[in-house]
Amino acid sequence: MILEVAILNVIQGREKQFEEDFKIAGKYISSINGYVQHSLKKCIEQESKYILLVSWEKIEDHTIGFRQSKQYLEWKNLLHNYYDPFPTVEHFETIIDSEK
């Protein structure tokens, strides 16, 4: 499993509309083969900063399956106008996993 991580800096004053549009955008990403789950988390200290976490079966499900899809174009049209600066997206694999 691969974890996609993106820090999203949303233009101040646009947070509520971003959150509403993100709910809509969720249907686009979740329809892609290899998608497992996603979550959007809001920073407590900086109200216009978010983190997006997406689990994929393999990295190509994101880099090829999603990014080269019609669904990505819808995602992009809905969300990319909120970011300043544009987010860096990185992928991680689990080395150690622990639970209580």
N, C-alpha and C. Protein backbone atom coordinates (compact mmCIF):
# COMPACT_ATOMS: atom_id res chain seq x y z
N MET A 1 0.84 -1.18 0.00
CA MET A 1 0.00 0.00 0.00
C MET A 1 0.89 1.24 0.00
N ILE A 2 0.42 2.27 -0.70
CA ILE A 2 1.14 3.53 -0.83
C ILE A 2 0.29 4.64 -0.23
N LEU A 3 0.93 5.54 0.50
CA LEU A 3 0.24 6.69 1.06
C LEU A 3 0.69 7.94 0.32
N GLU A 4 -0.25 8.60 -0.32
CA GLU A 4 -0.02 9.90 -0.96
C GLU A 4 -0.24 10.97 0.10
N VAL A 5 0.69 11.91 0.19
CA VAL A 5 0.59 12.99 1.18
C VAL A 5 0.76 14.32 0.46
N ALA A 6 -0.18 15.22 0.69
CA ALA A 6 -0.10 16.56 0.09
C ALA A 6 -0.47 17.60 1.15
N ILE A 7 0.37 18.59 1.31
CA ILE A 7 0.06 19.74 2.16
C ILE A 7 -0.63 20.76 1.26
N LEU A 8 -1.84 21.13 1.65
CA LEU A 8 -2.66 22.04 0.84
C LEU A 8 -2.79 23.38 1.56
N ASN A 9 -2.22 24.41 0.98
CA ASN A 9 -2.37 25.77 1.49
C ASN A 9 -3.46 26.45 0.68
N VAL A 10 -4.59 26.66 1.33
CA VAL A 10 -5.76 27.24 0.67
C VAL A 10 -5.72 28.76 0.86
N ILE A 11 -6.12 29.46 -0.16
CA ILE A 11 -6.17 30.93 -0.09
C ILE A 11 -7.09 31.34 1.06
N GLN A 12 -6.59 32.21 1.93
CA GLN A 12 -7.35 32.64 3.11
C GLN A 12 -8.71 33.20 2.71
N GLY A 13 -9.71 32.83 3.50
CA GLY A 13 -11.07 33.27 3.24
C GLY A 13 -11.86 32.31 2.35
N ARG A 14 -11.19 31.33 1.77
CA ARG A 14 -11.86 30.39 0.86
C ARG A 14 -11.98 28.99 1.47
N GLU A 15 -11.68 28.85 2.75
CA GLU A 15 -11.63 27.54 3.40
C GLU A 15 -12.98 26.81 3.36
N LYS A 16 -14.05 27.47 3.72
CA LYS A 16 -15.37 26.81 3.78
C LYS A 16 -15.80 26.31 2.40
N GLN A 17 -15.62 27.14 1.36
CA GLN A 17 -16.00 26.71 0.02
C GLN A 17 -15.09 25.57 -0.45
N PHE A 18 -13.81 25.63 -0.11
CA PHE A 18 -12.88 24.54 -0.44
C PHE A 18 -13.37 23.24 0.18
N GLU A 19 -13.75 23.27 1.45
CA GLU A 19 -14.22 22.07 2.12
C GLU A 19 -15.48 21.51 1.46
N GLU A 20 -16.38 22.38 1.05
CA GLU A 20 -17.60 21.93 0.36
C GLU A 20 -17.26 21.30 -0.99
N ASP A 21 -16.38 21.96 -1.75
CA ASP A 21 -15.99 21.42 -3.05
C ASP A 21 -15.18 20.13 -2.91
N PHE A 22 -14.43 20.03 -1.83
CA PHE A 22 -13.66 18.80 -1.61
C PHE A 22 -14.58 17.61 -1.38
N LYS A 23 -15.70 17.83 -0.71
CA LYS A 23 -16.68 16.75 -0.52
C LYS A 23 -17.16 16.24 -1.88
N ILE A 24 -17.41 17.14 -2.79
CA ILE A 24 -17.84 16.77 -4.14
C ILE A 24 -16.71 16.04 -4.86
N ALA A 25 -15.50 16.56 -4.76
CA ALA A 25 -14.35 15.98 -5.46
C ALA A 25 -14.04 14.55 -5.00
N GLY A 26 -14.44 14.22 -3.79
CA GLY A 26 -14.18 12.88 -3.28
C GLY A 26 -14.71 11.77 -4.17
N LYS A 27 -15.83 12.01 -4.85
CA LYS A 27 -16.41 10.98 -5.72
C LYS A 27 -15.52 10.70 -6.93
N TYR A 28 -14.74 11.70 -7.35
CA TYR A 28 -13.87 11.50 -8.51
C TYR A 28 -12.67 10.62 -8.16
N ILE A 29 -12.02 10.93 -7.07
CA ILE A 29 -10.84 10.16 -6.71
C ILE A 29 -11.21 8.74 -6.27
N SER A 30 -12.34 8.61 -5.57
CA SER A 30 -12.71 7.30 -5.05
C SER A 30 -13.20 6.34 -6.12
N SER A 31 -13.43 6.82 -7.33
CA SER A 31 -13.89 5.96 -8.42
C SER A 31 -12.74 5.30 -9.18
N ILE A 32 -11.50 5.60 -8.83
CA ILE A 32 -10.33 5.11 -9.56
C ILE A 32 -9.92 3.73 -9.06
N ASN A 33 -9.58 2.83 -9.98
CA ASN A 33 -9.07 1.52 -9.62
C ASN A 33 -7.81 1.68 -8.78
N GLY A 34 -7.72 0.94 -7.70
CA GLY A 34 -6.56 1.01 -6.84
C GLY A 34 -6.69 2.00 -5.69
N TYR A 35 -7.73 2.83 -5.73
CA TYR A 35 -8.01 3.74 -4.62
C TYR A 35 -8.47 2.91 -3.42
N VAL A 36 -7.96 3.26 -2.23
CA VAL A 36 -8.34 2.56 -1.00
C VAL A 36 -9.17 3.48 -0.10
N GLN A 37 -8.62 4.65 0.24
CA GLN A 37 -9.32 5.61 1.09
C GLN A 37 -8.61 6.95 1.05
N HIS A 38 -9.30 7.98 1.54
CA HIS A 38 -8.66 9.28 1.68
C HIS A 38 -9.22 10.01 2.89
N SER A 39 -8.43 10.96 3.38
CA SER A 39 -8.91 11.84 4.44
C SER A 39 -8.29 13.22 4.24
N LEU A 40 -9.07 14.21 4.61
CA LEU A 40 -8.62 15.60 4.57
C LEU A 40 -8.62 16.08 6.01
N LYS A 41 -7.49 16.61 6.45
CA LYS A 41 -7.35 17.09 7.81
C LYS A 41 -6.98 18.57 7.79
N LYS A 42 -7.56 19.31 8.73
CA LYS A 42 -7.33 20.75 8.80
C LYS A 42 -6.36 21.06 9.94
N CYS A 43 -5.42 21.92 9.68
CA CYS A 43 -4.43 22.32 10.67
C CYS A 43 -5.10 23.17 11.76
N ILE A 44 -4.77 22.89 12.99
CA ILE A 44 -5.33 23.65 14.11
C ILE A 44 -4.67 25.03 14.21
N GLU A 45 -3.36 25.09 14.00
CA GLU A 45 -2.63 26.35 14.16
C GLU A 45 -2.78 27.31 12.98
N GLN A 46 -3.00 26.77 11.79
CA GLN A 46 -3.12 27.61 10.59
C GLN A 46 -4.41 27.21 9.87
N GLU A 47 -5.44 28.02 9.99
CA GLU A 47 -6.77 27.63 9.52
C GLU A 47 -6.90 27.43 8.02
N SER A 48 -5.96 27.90 7.24
CA SER A 48 -6.05 27.71 5.79
C SER A 48 -5.11 26.60 5.30
N LYS A 49 -4.58 25.81 6.21
CA LYS A 49 -3.66 24.73 5.86
C LYS A 49 -4.33 23.38 6.12
N TYR A 50 -4.21 22.48 5.15
CA TYR A 50 -4.80 21.15 5.23
C TYR A 50 -3.75 20.12 4.84
N ILE A 51 -4.03 18.87 5.22
CA ILE A 51 -3.22 17.76 4.73
C ILE A 51 -4.18 16.75 4.11
N LEU A 52 -3.83 16.29 2.93
CA LEU A 52 -4.59 15.26 2.24
C LEU A 52 -3.80 13.97 2.30
N LEU A 53 -4.45 12.92 2.76
CA LEU A 53 -3.85 11.59 2.82
C LEU A 53 -4.70 10.65 1.98
N VAL A 54 -4.07 10.01 0.99
CA VAL A 54 -4.79 9.08 0.13
C VAL A 54 -4.03 7.77 0.10
N SER A 55 -4.73 6.68 0.36
CA SER A 55 -4.13 5.35 0.28
C SER A 55 -4.46 4.74 -1.07
N TRP A 56 -3.41 4.24 -1.70
CA TRP A 56 -3.53 3.58 -3.00
C TRP A 56 -2.93 2.17 -2.90
N GLU A 57 -3.42 1.27 -3.71
CA GLU A 57 -2.84 -0.07 -3.72
C GLU A 57 -1.39 -0.03 -4.21
N LYS A 58 -1.15 0.75 -5.27
CA LYS A 58 0.22 0.92 -5.78
C LYS A 58 0.36 2.34 -6.33
N ILE A 59 1.58 2.80 -6.44
CA ILE A 59 1.83 4.19 -6.83
C ILE A 59 1.25 4.52 -8.21
N GLU A 60 1.28 3.57 -9.12
CA GLU A 60 0.76 3.81 -10.48
C GLU A 60 -0.74 4.08 -10.49
N ASP A 61 -1.44 3.57 -9.47
CA ASP A 61 -2.88 3.86 -9.40
C ASP A 61 -3.12 5.36 -9.27
N HIS A 62 -2.19 6.05 -8.62
CA HIS A 62 -2.29 7.50 -8.50
C HIS A 62 -1.65 8.20 -9.69
N THR A 63 -0.38 7.89 -9.95
CA THR A 63 0.39 8.65 -10.94
C THR A 63 -0.09 8.43 -12.37
N ILE A 64 -0.64 7.28 -12.64
CA ILE A 64 -1.14 6.99 -13.99
C ILE A 64 -2.67 6.88 -13.98
N GLY A 65 -3.19 5.97 -13.14
CA GLY A 65 -4.64 5.72 -13.13
C GLY A 65 -5.47 6.96 -12.85
N PHE A 66 -5.09 7.73 -11.85
CA PHE A 66 -5.86 8.94 -11.52
C PHE A 66 -5.42 10.13 -12.34
N ARG A 67 -4.14 10.40 -12.36
CA ARG A 67 -3.66 11.63 -13.00
C ARG A 67 -3.89 11.67 -14.51
N GLN A 68 -4.11 10.51 -15.13
CA GLN A 68 -4.36 10.50 -16.57
C GLN A 68 -5.83 10.20 -16.89
N SER A 69 -6.70 10.42 -15.90
CA SER A 69 -8.11 10.09 -16.09
C SER A 69 -8.98 11.33 -16.30
N LYS A 70 -10.20 11.09 -16.79
CA LYS A 70 -11.19 12.16 -16.91
C LYS A 70 -11.59 12.67 -15.53
N GLN A 71 -11.59 11.76 -14.54
CA GLN A 71 -11.94 12.14 -13.18
C GLN A 71 -10.94 13.16 -12.63
N TYR A 72 -9.67 13.01 -12.98
CA TYR A 72 -8.66 13.97 -12.52
C TYR A 72 -8.94 15.36 -13.08
N LEU A 73 -9.38 15.44 -14.31
CA LEU A 73 -9.70 16.75 -14.89
C LEU A 73 -10.83 17.43 -14.11
N GLU A 74 -11.83 16.64 -13.69
CA GLU A 74 -12.91 17.18 -12.88
C GLU A 74 -12.38 17.64 -11.52
N TRP A 75 -11.54 16.81 -10.90
CA TRP A 75 -10.90 17.12 -9.61
C TRP A 75 -10.12 18.43 -9.72
N LYS A 76 -9.32 18.49 -10.76
CA LYS A 76 -8.47 19.66 -11.00
C LYS A 76 -9.31 20.93 -11.19
N ASN A 77 -10.35 20.84 -12.01
CA ASN A 77 -11.21 22.00 -12.26
C ASN A 77 -11.91 22.48 -10.99
N LEU A 78 -12.24 21.54 -10.11
CA LEU A 78 -12.95 21.87 -8.89
C LEU A 78 -12.04 22.43 -7.80
N LEU A 79 -10.81 21.93 -7.70
CA LEU A 79 -9.97 22.22 -6.53
C LEU A 79 -8.72 23.05 -6.77
N HIS A 80 -8.12 22.99 -7.93
CA HIS A 80 -6.80 23.59 -8.10
C HIS A 80 -6.78 25.11 -7.99
N ASN A 81 -7.91 25.76 -8.10
CA ASN A 81 -7.94 27.22 -7.99
C ASN A 81 -7.89 27.70 -6.53
N TYR A 82 -7.91 26.78 -5.57
CA TYR A 82 -7.87 27.15 -4.15
C TYR A 82 -6.46 27.26 -3.60
N TYR A 83 -5.45 26.71 -4.27
CA TYR A 83 -4.13 26.56 -3.67
C TYR A 83 -3.17 27.71 -3.99
N ASP A 84 -2.45 28.13 -2.95
CA ASP A 84 -1.37 29.10 -3.13
C ASP A 84 -0.38 28.92 -1.99
N PRO A 85 0.77 28.35 -2.27
CA PRO A 85 1.26 27.85 -3.55
C PRO A 85 0.66 26.49 -3.90
N PHE A 86 0.92 26.04 -5.11
CA PHE A 86 0.43 24.74 -5.53
C PHE A 86 1.12 23.66 -4.71
N PRO A 87 0.38 22.66 -4.25
CA PRO A 87 0.95 21.67 -3.33
C PRO A 87 1.97 20.74 -3.97
N THR A 88 2.90 20.31 -3.14
CA THR A 88 3.81 19.23 -3.49
C THR A 88 3.17 17.93 -3.02
N VAL A 89 3.18 16.93 -3.87
CA VAL A 89 2.60 15.63 -3.54
C VAL A 89 3.73 14.62 -3.46
N GLU A 90 3.75 13.85 -2.37
CA GLU A 90 4.77 12.83 -2.19
C GLU A 90 4.09 11.51 -1.83
N HIS A 91 4.82 10.42 -2.05
CA HIS A 91 4.30 9.08 -1.80
C HIS A 91 5.19 8.36 -0.79
N PHE A 92 4.55 7.63 0.12
CA PHE A 92 5.26 6.94 1.19
C PHE A 92 4.81 5.49 1.26
N GLU A 93 5.74 4.64 1.68
CA GLU A 93 5.38 3.25 1.95
C GLU A 93 5.66 2.98 3.43
N THR A 94 4.87 2.09 3.99
CA THR A 94 4.99 1.79 5.42
C THR A 94 6.22 0.95 5.70
N ILE A 95 6.99 1.37 6.70
CA ILE A 95 8.15 0.62 7.17
C ILE A 95 7.79 -0.04 8.52
N ILE A 96 7.18 0.75 9.39
CA ILE A 96 6.74 0.25 10.69
C ILE A 96 5.33 0.74 10.90
N ASP A 97 4.47 -0.16 11.37
CA ASP A 97 3.08 0.17 11.65
C ASP A 97 2.77 -0.35 13.04
N SER A 98 2.24 0.48 13.89
CA SER A 98 2.01 0.08 15.27
C SER A 98 0.66 0.59 15.75
N GLU A 99 -0.01 -0.20 16.55
CA GLU A 99 -1.28 0.20 17.16
C GLU A 99 -1.26 -0.21 18.63
N LYS A 100 -2.06 0.45 19.41
CA LYS A 100 -2.17 0.10 20.83
C LYS A 100 -3.00 -1.13 20.99
